[in-house]
mmCIF file of all heavy atoms, coordinates in Angstrom:
data_MODEL
# 
_entry.id   MODEL 
# 
loop_
_atom_site.group_PDB 
_atom_site.id 
_atom_site.type_symbol 
_atom_site.label_atom_id 
_atom_site.label_alt_id 
_atom_site.label_comp_id 
_atom_site.label_asym_id 
_atom_site.label_entity_id 
_atom_site.label_seq_id 
_atom_site.pdbx_PDB_ins_code 
_atom_site.Cartn_x 
_atom_site.Cartn_y 
_atom_site.Cartn_z 
_atom_site.occupancy 
_atom_site.B_iso_or_equiv 
_atom_site.pdbx_formal_charge 
_atom_site.auth_seq_id 
_atom_site.auth_comp_id 
_atom_site.auth_asym_id 
_atom_site.auth_atom_id 
_atom_site.pdbx_PDB_model_num 
ATOM 1   N N   . GLN A 1 1  ? 0.900  8.549  -4.028  1.00 0.00 ? 1  GLN A N   1 
ATOM 2   C CA  . GLN A 1 1  ? 0.204  9.705  -4.540  1.00 0.00 ? 1  GLN A CA  1 
ATOM 3   C C   . GLN A 1 1  ? 1.169  10.498 -5.622  1.00 0.00 ? 1  GLN A C   1 
ATOM 4   O O   . GLN A 1 1  ? 0.624  11.349 -6.293  1.00 0.00 ? 1  GLN A O   1 
ATOM 5   C CB  . GLN A 1 1  ? -0.174 10.671 -3.520  1.00 0.00 ? 1  GLN A CB  1 
ATOM 6   C CG  . GLN A 1 1  ? 0.843  11.139 -2.535  1.00 0.00 ? 1  GLN A CG  1 
ATOM 7   C CD  . GLN A 1 1  ? 0.973  10.357 -1.305  1.00 0.00 ? 1  GLN A CD  1 
ATOM 8   O OE1 . GLN A 1 1  ? 1.043  9.104  -1.347  1.00 0.00 ? 1  GLN A OE1 1 
ATOM 9   N NE2 . GLN A 1 1  ? 1.062  11.031 -0.107  1.00 0.00 ? 1  GLN A NE2 1 
ATOM 10  N N   . LEU A 1 2  ? 2.407  10.149 -5.701  1.00 0.00 ? 2  LEU A N   1 
ATOM 11  C CA  . LEU A 1 2  ? 3.349  10.797 -6.652  1.00 0.00 ? 2  LEU A CA  1 
ATOM 12  C C   . LEU A 1 2  ? 3.138  10.174 -7.898  1.00 0.00 ? 2  LEU A C   1 
ATOM 13  O O   . LEU A 1 2  ? 3.480  10.724 -8.993  1.00 0.00 ? 2  LEU A O   1 
ATOM 14  C CB  . LEU A 1 2  ? 4.744  10.769 -6.188  1.00 0.00 ? 2  LEU A CB  1 
ATOM 15  C CG  . LEU A 1 2  ? 5.097  11.460 -4.863  1.00 0.00 ? 2  LEU A CG  1 
ATOM 16  C CD1 . LEU A 1 2  ? 6.574  11.551 -4.652  1.00 0.00 ? 2  LEU A CD1 1 
ATOM 17  C CD2 . LEU A 1 2  ? 4.458  12.934 -4.928  1.00 0.00 ? 2  LEU A CD2 1 
ATOM 18  N N   . GLY A 1 3  ? 2.657  8.921  -8.133  1.00 0.00 ? 3  GLY A N   1 
ATOM 19  C CA  . GLY A 1 3  ? 2.511  8.256  -9.343  1.00 0.00 ? 3  GLY A CA  1 
ATOM 20  C C   . GLY A 1 3  ? 3.672  7.945  -10.165 1.00 0.00 ? 3  GLY A C   1 
ATOM 21  O O   . GLY A 1 3  ? 3.780  7.939  -11.300 1.00 0.00 ? 3  GLY A O   1 
ATOM 22  N N   . ILE A 1 4  ? 4.856  7.652  -9.453  1.00 0.00 ? 4  ILE A N   1 
ATOM 23  C CA  . ILE A 1 4  ? 6.087  7.462  -10.080 1.00 0.00 ? 4  ILE A CA  1 
ATOM 24  C C   . ILE A 1 4  ? 6.519  5.996  -9.928  1.00 0.00 ? 4  ILE A C   1 
ATOM 25  O O   . ILE A 1 4  ? 6.210  5.274  -9.033  1.00 0.00 ? 4  ILE A O   1 
ATOM 26  C CB  . ILE A 1 4  ? 7.233  8.370  -9.369  1.00 0.00 ? 4  ILE A CB  1 
ATOM 27  C CG1 . ILE A 1 4  ? 7.251  8.018  -7.897  1.00 0.00 ? 4  ILE A CG1 1 
ATOM 28  C CG2 . ILE A 1 4  ? 6.907  9.794  -9.684  1.00 0.00 ? 4  ILE A CG2 1 
ATOM 29  C CD1 . ILE A 1 4  ? 8.350  8.878  -7.196  1.00 0.00 ? 4  ILE A CD1 1 
ATOM 30  N N   . ARG A 1 5  ? 7.276  5.593  -11.007 1.00 0.00 ? 5  ARG A N   1 
ATOM 31  C CA  . ARG A 1 5  ? 7.847  4.233  -11.011 1.00 0.00 ? 5  ARG A CA  1 
ATOM 32  C C   . ARG A 1 5  ? 9.231  4.257  -10.362 1.00 0.00 ? 5  ARG A C   1 
ATOM 33  O O   . ARG A 1 5  ? 10.158 5.049  -10.921 1.00 0.00 ? 5  ARG A O   1 
ATOM 34  C CB  . ARG A 1 5  ? 7.923  3.686  -12.445 1.00 0.00 ? 5  ARG A CB  1 
ATOM 35  C CG  . ARG A 1 5  ? 8.292  2.280  -12.521 1.00 0.00 ? 5  ARG A CG  1 
ATOM 36  C CD  . ARG A 1 5  ? 8.480  1.815  -13.986 1.00 0.00 ? 5  ARG A CD  1 
ATOM 37  N NE  . ARG A 1 5  ? 7.239  1.942  -14.651 1.00 0.00 ? 5  ARG A NE  1 
ATOM 38  C CZ  . ARG A 1 5  ? 6.232  1.065  -14.647 1.00 0.00 ? 5  ARG A CZ  1 
ATOM 39  N NH1 . ARG A 1 5  ? 6.385  -0.062 -13.908 1.00 0.00 ? 5  ARG A NH1 1 
ATOM 40  N NH2 . ARG A 1 5  ? 5.109  1.188  -15.345 1.00 0.00 ? 5  ARG A NH2 1 
ATOM 41  N N   . LEU A 1 6  ? 9.539  3.604  -9.325  1.00 0.00 ? 6  LEU A N   1 
ATOM 42  C CA  . LEU A 1 6  ? 10.803 3.663  -8.615  1.00 0.00 ? 6  LEU A CA  1 
ATOM 43  C C   . LEU A 1 6  ? 11.781 2.603  -9.148  1.00 0.00 ? 6  LEU A C   1 
ATOM 44  O O   . LEU A 1 6  ? 11.432 1.492  -9.435  1.00 0.00 ? 6  LEU A O   1 
ATOM 45  C CB  . LEU A 1 6  ? 10.586 3.383  -7.142  1.00 0.00 ? 6  LEU A CB  1 
ATOM 46  C CG  . LEU A 1 6  ? 9.592  4.442  -6.392  1.00 0.00 ? 6  LEU A CG  1 
ATOM 47  C CD1 . LEU A 1 6  ? 9.523  4.002  -4.982  1.00 0.00 ? 6  LEU A CD1 1 
ATOM 48  C CD2 . LEU A 1 6  ? 10.143 5.834  -6.555  1.00 0.00 ? 6  LEU A CD2 1 
ATOM 49  N N   . ASP A 1 7  ? 13.025 3.082  -9.381  1.00 0.00 ? 7  ASP A N   1 
ATOM 50  C CA  . ASP A 1 7  ? 13.997 2.161  -9.785  1.00 0.00 ? 7  ASP A CA  1 
ATOM 51  C C   . ASP A 1 7  ? 14.642 1.478  -8.533  1.00 0.00 ? 7  ASP A C   1 
ATOM 52  O O   . ASP A 1 7  ? 14.278 1.834  -7.426  1.00 0.00 ? 7  ASP A O   1 
ATOM 53  C CB  . ASP A 1 7  ? 15.144 2.775  -10.715 1.00 0.00 ? 7  ASP A CB  1 
ATOM 54  C CG  . ASP A 1 7  ? 15.701 3.986  -10.018 1.00 0.00 ? 7  ASP A CG  1 
ATOM 55  O OD1 . ASP A 1 7  ? 15.888 3.975  -8.763  1.00 0.00 ? 7  ASP A OD1 1 
ATOM 56  O OD2 . ASP A 1 7  ? 16.170 4.977  -10.706 1.00 0.00 ? 7  ASP A OD2 1 
ATOM 57  N N   . LYS A 1 8  ? 15.564 0.538  -8.721  1.00 0.00 ? 8  LYS A N   1 
ATOM 58  C CA  . LYS A 1 8  ? 16.217 -0.194 -7.537  1.00 0.00 ? 8  LYS A CA  1 
ATOM 59  C C   . LYS A 1 8  ? 16.950 0.813  -6.614  1.00 0.00 ? 8  LYS A C   1 
ATOM 60  O O   . LYS A 1 8  ? 16.905 0.572  -5.391  1.00 0.00 ? 8  LYS A O   1 
ATOM 61  C CB  . LYS A 1 8  ? 17.159 -1.185 -8.171  1.00 0.00 ? 8  LYS A CB  1 
ATOM 62  C CG  . LYS A 1 8  ? 16.465 -2.293 -8.898  1.00 0.00 ? 8  LYS A CG  1 
ATOM 63  C CD  . LYS A 1 8  ? 17.549 -3.420 -9.298  1.00 0.00 ? 8  LYS A CD  1 
ATOM 64  C CE  . LYS A 1 8  ? 16.768 -4.533 -10.035 1.00 0.00 ? 8  LYS A CE  1 
ATOM 65  N NZ  . LYS A 1 8  ? 17.746 -5.603 -10.488 1.00 0.00 ? 8  LYS A NZ  1 
ATOM 66  N N   . LYS A 1 9  ? 17.402 1.863  -7.116  1.00 0.00 ? 9  LYS A N   1 
ATOM 67  C CA  . LYS A 1 9  ? 18.123 2.872  -6.249  1.00 0.00 ? 9  LYS A CA  1 
ATOM 68  C C   . LYS A 1 9  ? 17.188 3.560  -5.296  1.00 0.00 ? 9  LYS A C   1 
ATOM 69  O O   . LYS A 1 9  ? 17.604 3.926  -4.184  1.00 0.00 ? 9  LYS A O   1 
ATOM 70  C CB  . LYS A 1 9  ? 18.885 3.820  -7.031  1.00 0.00 ? 9  LYS A CB  1 
ATOM 71  C CG  . LYS A 1 9  ? 19.993 3.215  -7.869  1.00 0.00 ? 9  LYS A CG  1 
ATOM 72  C CD  . LYS A 1 9  ? 20.729 4.382  -8.678  1.00 0.00 ? 9  LYS A CD  1 
ATOM 73  C CE  . LYS A 1 9  ? 21.898 3.807  -9.415  1.00 0.00 ? 9  LYS A CE  1 
ATOM 74  N NZ  . LYS A 1 9  ? 22.562 4.838  -10.235 1.00 0.00 ? 9  LYS A NZ  1 
ATOM 75  N N   . LEU A 1 10 ? 15.938 3.657  -5.706  1.00 0.00 ? 10 LEU A N   1 
ATOM 76  C CA  . LEU A 1 10 ? 14.977 4.425  -4.890  1.00 0.00 ? 10 LEU A CA  1 
ATOM 77  C C   . LEU A 1 10 ? 13.940 3.576  -4.147  1.00 0.00 ? 10 LEU A C   1 
ATOM 78  O O   . LEU A 1 10 ? 13.104 4.014  -3.507  1.00 0.00 ? 10 LEU A O   1 
ATOM 79  C CB  . LEU A 1 10 ? 14.270 5.446  -5.845  1.00 0.00 ? 10 LEU A CB  1 
ATOM 80  C CG  . LEU A 1 10 ? 15.083 6.518  -6.532  1.00 0.00 ? 10 LEU A CG  1 
ATOM 81  C CD1 . LEU A 1 10 ? 14.291 7.303  -7.467  1.00 0.00 ? 10 LEU A CD1 1 
ATOM 82  C CD2 . LEU A 1 10 ? 15.806 7.359  -5.520  1.00 0.00 ? 10 LEU A CD2 1 
ATOM 83  N N   . GLU A 1 11 ? 13.988 2.306  -4.331  1.00 0.00 ? 11 GLU A N   1 
ATOM 84  C CA  . GLU A 1 11 ? 13.036 1.383  -3.676  1.00 0.00 ? 11 GLU A CA  1 
ATOM 85  C C   . GLU A 1 11 ? 13.025 1.577  -2.168  1.00 0.00 ? 11 GLU A C   1 
ATOM 86  O O   . GLU A 1 11 ? 14.071 1.593  -1.589  1.00 0.00 ? 11 GLU A O   1 
ATOM 87  C CB  . GLU A 1 11 ? 13.376 -0.051 -4.016  1.00 0.00 ? 11 GLU A CB  1 
ATOM 88  C CG  . GLU A 1 11 ? 12.962 -0.533 -5.425  1.00 0.00 ? 11 GLU A CG  1 
ATOM 89  C CD  . GLU A 1 11 ? 13.141 -1.957 -5.707  1.00 0.00 ? 11 GLU A CD  1 
ATOM 90  O OE1 . GLU A 1 11 ? 13.687 -2.661 -4.846  1.00 0.00 ? 11 GLU A OE1 1 
ATOM 91  O OE2 . GLU A 1 11 ? 12.870 -2.436 -6.861  1.00 0.00 ? 11 GLU A OE2 1 
ATOM 92  N N   . GLY A 1 12 ? 11.876 1.654  -1.600  1.00 0.00 ? 12 GLY A N   1 
ATOM 93  C CA  . GLY A 1 12 ? 11.722 1.812  -0.203  1.00 0.00 ? 12 GLY A CA  1 
ATOM 94  C C   . GLY A 1 12 ? 11.715 3.286  0.255   1.00 0.00 ? 12 GLY A C   1 
ATOM 95  O O   . GLY A 1 12 ? 11.312 3.601  1.385   1.00 0.00 ? 12 GLY A O   1 
ATOM 96  N N   . GLN A 1 13 ? 12.028 4.252  -0.646  1.00 0.00 ? 13 GLN A N   1 
ATOM 97  C CA  . GLN A 1 13 ? 12.018 5.662  -0.300  1.00 0.00 ? 13 GLN A CA  1 
ATOM 98  C C   . GLN A 1 13 ? 10.553 6.217  -0.462  1.00 0.00 ? 13 GLN A C   1 
ATOM 99  O O   . GLN A 1 13 ? 9.923  5.826  -1.469  1.00 0.00 ? 13 GLN A O   1 
ATOM 100 C CB  . GLN A 1 13 ? 13.008 6.463  -1.173  1.00 0.00 ? 13 GLN A CB  1 
ATOM 101 C CG  . GLN A 1 13 ? 13.080 7.863  -0.795  1.00 0.00 ? 13 GLN A CG  1 
ATOM 102 C CD  . GLN A 1 13 ? 14.252 8.520  -1.650  1.00 0.00 ? 13 GLN A CD  1 
ATOM 103 O OE1 . GLN A 1 13 ? 15.202 7.866  -2.143  1.00 0.00 ? 13 GLN A OE1 1 
ATOM 104 N NE2 . GLN A 1 13 ? 14.194 9.856  -1.722  1.00 0.00 ? 13 GLN A NE2 1 
ATOM 105 N N   . THR A 1 14 ? 10.118 6.913  0.452   1.00 0.00 ? 14 THR A N   1 
ATOM 106 C CA  . THR A 1 14 ? 8.796  7.487  0.408   1.00 0.00 ? 14 THR A CA  1 
ATOM 107 C C   . THR A 1 14 ? 8.680  8.977  0.451   1.00 0.00 ? 14 THR A C   1 
ATOM 108 O O   . THR A 1 14 ? 7.650  9.549  0.252   1.00 0.00 ? 14 THR A O   1 
ATOM 109 C CB  . THR A 1 14 ? 7.910  7.028  1.625   1.00 0.00 ? 14 THR A CB  1 
ATOM 110 O OG1 . THR A 1 14 ? 8.551  7.465  2.778   1.00 0.00 ? 14 THR A OG1 1 
ATOM 111 C CG2 . THR A 1 14 ? 7.779  5.483  1.601   1.00 0.00 ? 14 THR A CG2 1 
ATOM 112 N N   . GLN A 1 15 ? 9.836  9.679  0.550   1.00 0.00 ? 15 GLN A N   1 
ATOM 113 C CA  . GLN A 1 15 ? 9.892  11.102 0.518   1.00 0.00 ? 15 GLN A CA  1 
ATOM 114 C C   . GLN A 1 15 ? 10.817 11.631 -0.469  1.00 0.00 ? 15 GLN A C   1 
ATOM 115 O O   . GLN A 1 15 ? 11.999 11.173 -0.514  1.00 0.00 ? 15 GLN A O   1 
ATOM 116 C CB  . GLN A 1 15 ? 10.204 11.698 1.945   1.00 0.00 ? 15 GLN A CB  1 
ATOM 117 C CG  . GLN A 1 15 ? 9.248  11.299 3.041   1.00 0.00 ? 15 GLN A CG  1 
ATOM 118 C CD  . GLN A 1 15 ? 9.753  11.703 4.335   1.00 0.00 ? 15 GLN A CD  1 
ATOM 119 O OE1 . GLN A 1 15 ? 10.733 12.426 4.478   1.00 0.00 ? 15 GLN A OE1 1 
ATOM 120 N NE2 . GLN A 1 15 ? 8.954  11.237 5.464   1.00 0.00 ? 15 GLN A NE2 1 
ATOM 121 N N   . PHE A 1 16 ? 10.374 12.528 -1.373  1.00 0.00 ? 16 PHE A N   1 
ATOM 122 C CA  . PHE A 1 16 ? 11.227 12.925 -2.521  1.00 0.00 ? 16 PHE A CA  1 
ATOM 123 C C   . PHE A 1 16 ? 11.183 14.492 -2.419  1.00 0.00 ? 16 PHE A C   1 
ATOM 124 O O   . PHE A 1 16 ? 10.101 15.116 -2.608  1.00 0.00 ? 16 PHE A O   1 
ATOM 125 C CB  . PHE A 1 16 ? 10.678 12.415 -3.822  1.00 0.00 ? 16 PHE A CB  1 
ATOM 126 C CG  . PHE A 1 16 ? 10.780 10.968 -3.911  1.00 0.00 ? 16 PHE A CG  1 
ATOM 127 C CD1 . PHE A 1 16 ? 9.775  10.121 -3.430  1.00 0.00 ? 16 PHE A CD1 1 
ATOM 128 C CD2 . PHE A 1 16 ? 11.838 10.336 -4.464  1.00 0.00 ? 16 PHE A CD2 1 
ATOM 129 C CE1 . PHE A 1 16 ? 9.836  8.767  -3.507  1.00 0.00 ? 16 PHE A CE1 1 
ATOM 130 C CE2 . PHE A 1 16 ? 11.984 8.982  -4.547  1.00 0.00 ? 16 PHE A CE2 1 
ATOM 131 C CZ  . PHE A 1 16 ? 10.913 8.150  -4.084  1.00 0.00 ? 16 PHE A CZ  1 
ATOM 132 N N   . ASN A 1 17 ? 12.337 15.142 -2.260  1.00 0.00 ? 17 ASN A N   1 
ATOM 133 C CA  . ASN A 1 17 ? 12.472 16.650 -2.288  1.00 0.00 ? 17 ASN A CA  1 
ATOM 134 C C   . ASN A 1 17 ? 12.969 17.139 -3.645  1.00 0.00 ? 17 ASN A C   1 
ATOM 135 O O   . ASN A 1 17 ? 13.470 18.158 -3.762  1.00 0.00 ? 17 ASN A O   1 
ATOM 136 C CB  . ASN A 1 17 ? 13.376 17.073 -1.124  1.00 0.00 ? 17 ASN A CB  1 
ATOM 137 C CG  . ASN A 1 17 ? 14.833 16.454 -1.216  1.00 0.00 ? 17 ASN A CG  1 
ATOM 138 O OD1 . ASN A 1 17 ? 15.172 15.895 -2.296  1.00 0.00 ? 17 ASN A OD1 1 
ATOM 139 N ND2 . ASN A 1 17 ? 15.520 16.554 -0.180  1.00 0.00 ? 17 ASN A ND2 1 
ATOM 140 N N   . PHE A 1 18 ? 12.840 16.289 -4.686  1.00 0.00 ? 18 PHE A N   1 
ATOM 141 C CA  . PHE A 1 18 ? 13.183 16.687 -6.057  1.00 0.00 ? 18 PHE A CA  1 
ATOM 142 C C   . PHE A 1 18 ? 12.090 16.110 -6.957  1.00 0.00 ? 18 PHE A C   1 
ATOM 143 O O   . PHE A 1 18 ? 11.441 15.118 -6.632  1.00 0.00 ? 18 PHE A O   1 
ATOM 144 C CB  . PHE A 1 18 ? 14.509 16.137 -6.451  1.00 0.00 ? 18 PHE A CB  1 
ATOM 145 C CG  . PHE A 1 18 ? 14.754 14.627 -6.288  1.00 0.00 ? 18 PHE A CG  1 
ATOM 146 C CD1 . PHE A 1 18 ? 14.435 13.827 -7.277  1.00 0.00 ? 18 PHE A CD1 1 
ATOM 147 C CD2 . PHE A 1 18 ? 15.130 14.089 -5.106  1.00 0.00 ? 18 PHE A CD2 1 
ATOM 148 C CE1 . PHE A 1 18 ? 14.534 12.478 -7.080  1.00 0.00 ? 18 PHE A CE1 1 
ATOM 149 C CE2 . PHE A 1 18 ? 15.298 12.757 -4.825  1.00 0.00 ? 18 PHE A CE2 1 
ATOM 150 C CZ  . PHE A 1 18 ? 15.022 11.955 -5.895  1.00 0.00 ? 18 PHE A CZ  1 
ATOM 151 N N   . ALA A 1 19 ? 11.902 16.701 -8.107  1.00 0.00 ? 19 ALA A N   1 
ATOM 152 C CA  . ALA A 1 19 ? 10.792 16.318 -9.019  1.00 0.00 ? 19 ALA A CA  1 
ATOM 153 C C   . ALA A 1 19 ? 11.106 15.085 -9.771  1.00 0.00 ? 19 ALA A C   1 
ATOM 154 O O   . ALA A 1 19 ? 12.299 14.950 -10.246 1.00 0.00 ? 19 ALA A O   1 
ATOM 155 C CB  . ALA A 1 19 ? 10.450 17.476 -9.950  1.00 0.00 ? 19 ALA A CB  1 
ATOM 156 N N   . ILE A 1 20 ? 10.177 14.182 -9.975  1.00 0.00 ? 20 ILE A N   1 
ATOM 157 C CA  . ILE A 1 20 ? 10.301 13.008 -10.756 1.00 0.00 ? 20 ILE A CA  1 
ATOM 158 C C   . ILE A 1 20 ? 9.121  12.902 -11.769 1.00 0.00 ? 20 ILE A C   1 
ATOM 159 O O   . ILE A 1 20 ? 7.998  13.286 -11.463 1.00 0.00 ? 20 ILE A O   1 
ATOM 160 C CB  . ILE A 1 20 ? 10.272 11.739 -9.866  1.00 0.00 ? 20 ILE A CB  1 
ATOM 161 C CG1 . ILE A 1 20 ? 11.330 11.753 -8.770  1.00 0.00 ? 20 ILE A CG1 1 
ATOM 162 C CG2 . ILE A 1 20 ? 10.377 10.434 -10.650 1.00 0.00 ? 20 ILE A CG2 1 
ATOM 163 C CD1 . ILE A 1 20 ? 11.386 10.584 -7.871  1.00 0.00 ? 20 ILE A CD1 1 
ATOM 164 N N   . ARG A 1 21 ? 9.521  12.486 -12.921 1.00 0.00 ? 21 ARG A N   1 
ATOM 165 C CA  . ARG A 1 21 ? 8.525  12.460 -13.975 1.00 0.00 ? 21 ARG A CA  1 
ATOM 166 C C   . ARG A 1 21 ? 7.522  11.450 -13.828 1.00 0.00 ? 21 ARG A C   1 
ATOM 167 O O   . ARG A 1 21 ? 7.699  10.231 -13.408 1.00 0.00 ? 21 ARG A O   1 
ATOM 168 C CB  . ARG A 1 21 ? 9.300  12.156 -15.388 1.00 0.00 ? 21 ARG A CB  1 
ATOM 169 C CG  . ARG A 1 21 ? 8.406  12.040 -16.598 1.00 0.00 ? 21 ARG A CG  1 
ATOM 170 C CD  . ARG A 1 21 ? 8.042  13.439 -17.117 1.00 0.00 ? 21 ARG A CD  1 
ATOM 171 N NE  . ARG A 1 21 ? 7.177  13.227 -18.314 1.00 0.00 ? 21 ARG A NE  1 
ATOM 172 C CZ  . ARG A 1 21 ? 7.625  13.086 -19.608 1.00 0.00 ? 21 ARG A CZ  1 
ATOM 173 N NH1 . ARG A 1 21 ? 8.929  13.118 -19.776 1.00 0.00 ? 21 ARG A NH1 1 
ATOM 174 N NH2 . ARG A 1 21 ? 6.767  13.024 -20.566 1.00 0.00 ? 21 ARG A NH2 1 
ATOM 175 N N   . VAL A 1 22 ? 6.276  11.819 -14.081 1.00 0.00 ? 22 VAL A N   1 
ATOM 176 C CA  . VAL A 1 22 ? 5.079  10.923 -13.939 1.00 0.00 ? 22 VAL A CA  1 
ATOM 177 C C   . VAL A 1 22 ? 4.664  10.512 -15.325 1.00 0.00 ? 22 VAL A C   1 
ATOM 178 O O   . VAL A 1 22 ? 4.434  11.443 -16.175 1.00 0.00 ? 22 VAL A O   1 
ATOM 179 C CB  . VAL A 1 22 ? 3.878  11.532 -13.195 1.00 0.00 ? 22 VAL A CB  1 
ATOM 180 C CG1 . VAL A 1 22 ? 2.731  10.568 -13.122 1.00 0.00 ? 22 VAL A CG1 1 
ATOM 181 C CG2 . VAL A 1 22 ? 4.309  12.018 -11.874 1.00 0.00 ? 22 VAL A CG2 1 
ATOM 182 N N   . HIS A 1 23 ? 4.692  9.249  -15.731 1.00 0.00 ? 23 HIS A N   1 
ATOM 183 C CA  . HIS A 1 23 ? 4.356  8.827  -16.994 1.00 0.00 ? 23 HIS A CA  1 
ATOM 184 C C   . HIS A 1 23 ? 2.856  8.475  -17.111 1.00 0.00 ? 23 HIS A C   1 
ATOM 185 O O   . HIS A 1 23 ? 2.440  7.476  -16.465 1.00 0.00 ? 23 HIS A O   1 
ATOM 186 C CB  . HIS A 1 23 ? 5.243  7.580  -17.469 1.00 0.00 ? 23 HIS A CB  1 
ATOM 187 C CG  . HIS A 1 23 ? 6.663  8.036  -17.620 1.00 0.00 ? 23 HIS A CG  1 
ATOM 188 N ND1 . HIS A 1 23 ? 7.252  8.632  -18.668 1.00 0.00 ? 23 HIS A ND1 1 
ATOM 189 C CD2 . HIS A 1 23 ? 7.651  7.912  -16.732 1.00 0.00 ? 23 HIS A CD2 1 
ATOM 190 C CE1 . HIS A 1 23 ? 8.477  8.828  -18.485 1.00 0.00 ? 23 HIS A CE1 1 
ATOM 191 N NE2 . HIS A 1 23 ? 8.809  8.368  -17.320 1.00 0.00 ? 23 HIS A NE2 1 
ATOM 192 N N   . ILE A 1 24 ? 2.101  9.138  -17.995 1.00 0.00 ? 24 ILE A N   1 
ATOM 193 C CA  . ILE A 1 24 ? 0.687  8.881  -18.160 1.00 0.00 ? 24 ILE A CA  1 
ATOM 194 C C   . ILE A 1 24 ? 0.512  7.943  -19.354 1.00 0.00 ? 24 ILE A C   1 
ATOM 195 O O   . ILE A 1 24 ? 0.941  8.307  -20.413 1.00 0.00 ? 24 ILE A O   1 
ATOM 196 C CB  . ILE A 1 24 ? -0.145 10.183 -18.351 1.00 0.00 ? 24 ILE A CB  1 
ATOM 197 C CG1 . ILE A 1 24 ? 0.304  11.269 -17.262 1.00 0.00 ? 24 ILE A CG1 1 
ATOM 198 C CG2 . ILE A 1 24 ? -1.592 9.992  -18.337 1.00 0.00 ? 24 ILE A CG2 1 
ATOM 199 C CD1 . ILE A 1 24 ? -0.036 10.809 -15.861 1.00 0.00 ? 24 ILE A CD1 1 
ATOM 200 N N   . PRO A 1 25 ? -0.186 6.793  -19.216 1.00 0.00 ? 25 PRO A N   1 
ATOM 201 C CA  . PRO A 1 25 ? -0.264 5.924  -20.311 1.00 0.00 ? 25 PRO A CA  1 
ATOM 202 C C   . PRO A 1 25 ? -1.289 6.271  -21.342 1.00 0.00 ? 25 PRO A C   1 
ATOM 203 O O   . PRO A 1 25 ? -2.397 5.730  -21.543 1.00 0.00 ? 25 PRO A O   1 
ATOM 204 C CB  . PRO A 1 25 ? -0.715 4.607  -19.628 1.00 0.00 ? 25 PRO A CB  1 
ATOM 205 C CG  . PRO A 1 25 ? -1.430 5.068  -18.377 1.00 0.00 ? 25 PRO A CG  1 
ATOM 206 C CD  . PRO A 1 25 ? -0.703 6.304  -17.971 1.00 0.00 ? 25 PRO A CD  1 
ATOM 207 N N   . THR A 1 26 ? -1.005 7.348  -22.128 1.00 0.00 ? 26 THR A N   1 
ATOM 208 C CA  . THR A 1 26 ? -1.870 7.870  -23.178 1.00 0.00 ? 26 THR A CA  1 
ATOM 209 C C   . THR A 1 26 ? -1.143 8.657  -24.151 1.00 0.00 ? 26 THR A C   1 
ATOM 210 O O   . THR A 1 26 ? -0.039 9.148  -23.874 1.00 0.00 ? 26 THR A O   1 
ATOM 211 C CB  . THR A 1 26 ? -3.133 8.690  -22.552 1.00 0.00 ? 26 THR A CB  1 
ATOM 212 O OG1 . THR A 1 26 ? -3.896 9.197  -23.567 1.00 0.00 ? 26 THR A OG1 1 
ATOM 213 C CG2 . THR A 1 26 ? -2.467 9.882  -21.785 1.00 0.00 ? 26 THR A CG2 1 
ATOM 214 N N   . ASP A 1 27 ? -1.706 8.824  -25.386 1.00 0.00 ? 27 ASP A N   1 
ATOM 215 C CA  . ASP A 1 27 ? -1.112 9.634  -26.382 1.00 0.00 ? 27 ASP A CA  1 
ATOM 216 C C   . ASP A 1 27 ? -1.623 11.104 -26.217 1.00 0.00 ? 27 ASP A C   1 
ATOM 217 O O   . ASP A 1 27 ? -1.118 12.001 -26.963 1.00 0.00 ? 27 ASP A O   1 
ATOM 218 C CB  . ASP A 1 27 ? -1.415 9.146  -27.760 1.00 0.00 ? 27 ASP A CB  1 
ATOM 219 C CG  . ASP A 1 27 ? -0.800 7.829  -27.996 1.00 0.00 ? 27 ASP A CG  1 
ATOM 220 O OD1 . ASP A 1 27 ? 0.288  7.584  -27.475 1.00 0.00 ? 27 ASP A OD1 1 
ATOM 221 O OD2 . ASP A 1 27 ? -1.314 7.016  -28.809 1.00 0.00 ? 27 ASP A OD2 1 
ATOM 222 N N   . SER A 1 28 ? -2.652 11.317 -25.383 1.00 0.00 ? 28 SER A N   1 
ATOM 223 C CA  . SER A 1 28 ? -3.244 12.629 -25.188 1.00 0.00 ? 28 SER A CA  1 
ATOM 224 C C   . SER A 1 28 ? -2.298 13.453 -24.304 1.00 0.00 ? 28 SER A C   1 
ATOM 225 O O   . SER A 1 28 ? -1.425 12.938 -23.512 1.00 0.00 ? 28 SER A O   1 
ATOM 226 C CB  . SER A 1 28 ? -4.598 12.548 -24.565 1.00 0.00 ? 28 SER A CB  1 
ATOM 227 O OG  . SER A 1 28 ? -5.482 11.878 -25.501 1.00 0.00 ? 28 SER A OG  1 
# 
């Protein structure tokens, strides 16, 4: 539900107490 792409350091983590950028595939 966070819509984030996880890098190798964060793989397997499901709880995030800091904000991560969500990339929307559009120019809008």
